[in-house]
């Protein structure tokens, strides 16, 4: 499993944890036992929390994650940032390799 695949797996698991916490806070009970309609509602609410957290942390340099939800949101955002970093690294490596392929071969002095 590549590093990116691992990060995407971690991101999915973290989002599931956020959904489970949101479901509990909304009084729905166990997220895994919900029907499709209720799961969709919880996932929509969880996405809202993720987006709100992302916007909030952009405005403030440091927000201390004090609640369980904030801790999960902070961890989720950290994973997303790591995925972006990994994408940047891979893009840079790709561009570097393409640049090497386009260069003219070095001529040897005779």
Protein backbone atom coordinates (compact mmCIF):
# COMPACT_ATOMS: atom_id res chain seq x y z
CA UNK A 1 0.00 0.00 0.00
CA UNK A 2 1.41 3.38 -0.99
CA UNK A 3 1.64 6.29 1.39
CA UNK A 4 -1.22 8.08 -0.41
CA UNK A 5 -3.44 5.00 -0.23
CA UNK A 6 -2.72 4.71 3.47
CA UNK A 7 -3.57 8.37 4.01
CA UNK A 8 -6.86 8.02 2.11
CA UNK A 9 -7.71 4.97 4.24
CA UNK A 10 -6.95 6.95 7.40
CA UNK A 11 -9.07 9.83 6.12
CA UNK A 12 -12.04 7.51 5.53
CA UNK A 13 -11.68 5.94 8.98
CA UNK A 14 -11.45 9.36 10.63
CA UNK A 15 -14.56 10.55 8.78
CA UNK A 16 -16.37 7.43 10.01
CA UNK A 17 -15.33 8.31 13.57
CA UNK A 18 -16.67 11.83 13.08
CA UNK A 19 -19.95 10.39 11.76
CA UNK A 20 -20.22 8.04 14.74
CA UNK A 21 -19.72 10.92 17.16
CA UNK A 22 -22.19 13.16 15.30
CA UNK A 23 -24.77 10.34 15.28
CA UNK A 24 -24.34 9.91 19.02
CA UNK A 25 -24.59 13.65 19.65
CA UNK A 26 -27.78 13.85 17.56
CA UNK A 27 -29.25 10.98 19.57
CA UNK A 28 -29.42 8.53 16.66
CA UNK A 29 -27.44 5.83 18.39
CA UNK A 30 -24.95 3.58 16.64
CA UNK A 31 -23.88 4.92 13.23
CA UNK A 32 -23.11 1.47 11.81
CA UNK A 33 -26.64 0.25 12.61
CA UNK A 34 -28.46 3.12 10.88
CA UNK A 35 -30.50 2.85 7.73
CA UNK A 36 -29.28 4.52 4.55
CA UNK A 37 -31.42 7.64 4.94
CA UNK A 38 -30.27 8.35 8.49
CA UNK A 39 -26.64 7.66 7.56
CA UNK A 40 -26.90 10.16 4.69
CA UNK A 41 -28.26 12.78 7.09
CA UNK A 42 -25.46 12.17 9.59
CA UNK A 43 -22.81 12.24 6.84
CA UNK A 44 -24.20 15.53 5.55
CA UNK A 45 -23.99 16.99 9.06
CA UNK A 46 -20.46 15.63 9.48
CA UNK A 47 -19.38 17.21 6.16
CA UNK A 48 -20.84 20.48 7.40
CA UNK A 49 -18.73 20.23 10.58
CA UNK A 50 -15.61 19.42 8.54
CA UNK A 51 -16.14 22.40 6.23
CA UNK A 52 -16.90 24.70 9.15
CA UNK A 53 -13.77 23.53 11.00
CA UNK A 54 -11.64 24.06 7.91
CA UNK A 55 -12.97 27.61 7.46
CA UNK A 56 -12.55 28.39 11.15
CA UNK A 57 -8.96 27.21 11.29
CA UNK A 58 -8.11 29.28 8.22
CA UNK A 59 -9.24 32.40 10.07
CA UNK A 60 -7.46 31.68 13.32
CA UNK A 61 -3.89 30.51 13.62
CA UNK A 62 -4.44 28.26 16.62
CA UNK A 63 -7.67 26.73 17.85
CA UNK A 64 -7.26 24.27 20.64
CA UNK A 65 -9.28 21.12 20.04
CA UNK A 66 -10.95 20.75 23.44
CA UNK A 67 -14.01 18.67 22.63
CA UNK A 68 -13.96 15.14 21.20
CA UNK A 69 -15.49 16.45 17.96
CA UNK A 70 -12.88 19.19 17.61
CA UNK A 71 -10.11 16.66 18.22
CA UNK A 72 -11.47 14.41 15.46
CA UNK A 73 -11.94 17.35 13.10
CA UNK A 74 -8.39 18.50 13.79
CA UNK A 75 -7.04 15.00 13.10
CA UNK A 76 -9.12 14.77 9.91
CA UNK A 77 -7.79 18.10 8.68
CA UNK A 78 -4.24 17.01 9.49
CA UNK A 79 -4.70 13.89 7.34
CA UNK A 80 -6.12 16.02 4.50
CA UNK A 81 -3.12 18.35 4.74
CA UNK A 82 -0.77 15.37 4.61
CA UNK A 83 -2.55 14.11 1.48
CA UNK A 84 -2.08 17.53 -0.15
CA UNK A 85 1.61 17.49 0.82
CA UNK A 86 2.01 14.01 -0.62
CA UNK A 87 0.32 15.12 -3.85
CA UNK A 88 2.70 18.08 -4.07
CA UNK A 89 5.68 15.79 -3.57
CA UNK A 90 4.47 13.38 -6.25
CA UNK A 91 3.75 16.25 -8.66
CA UNK A 92 7.22 17.65 -8.06
CA UNK A 93 8.83 14.28 -8.65
CA UNK A 94 6.83 13.80 -11.82
CA UNK A 95 7.84 17.24 -13.12
CA UNK A 96 11.46 16.56 -12.21
CA UNK A 97 11.44 13.22 -14.05
CA UNK A 98 9.79 14.79 -17.09
CA UNK A 99 12.45 17.50 -17.08
CA UNK A 100 15.19 14.86 -17.03
CA UNK A 101 13.65 13.06 -19.99
CA UNK A 102 13.47 16.27 -22.04
CA UNK A 103 17.06 17.31 -21.51
CA UNK A 104 19.52 16.68 -24.26
CA UNK A 105 22.03 13.97 -23.44
CA UNK A 106 25.41 15.18 -22.25
CA UNK A 107 28.15 15.00 -24.84
CA UNK A 108 31.34 13.39 -23.76
CA UNK A 109 34.56 15.27 -24.44
CA UNK A 110 36.93 13.40 -26.76
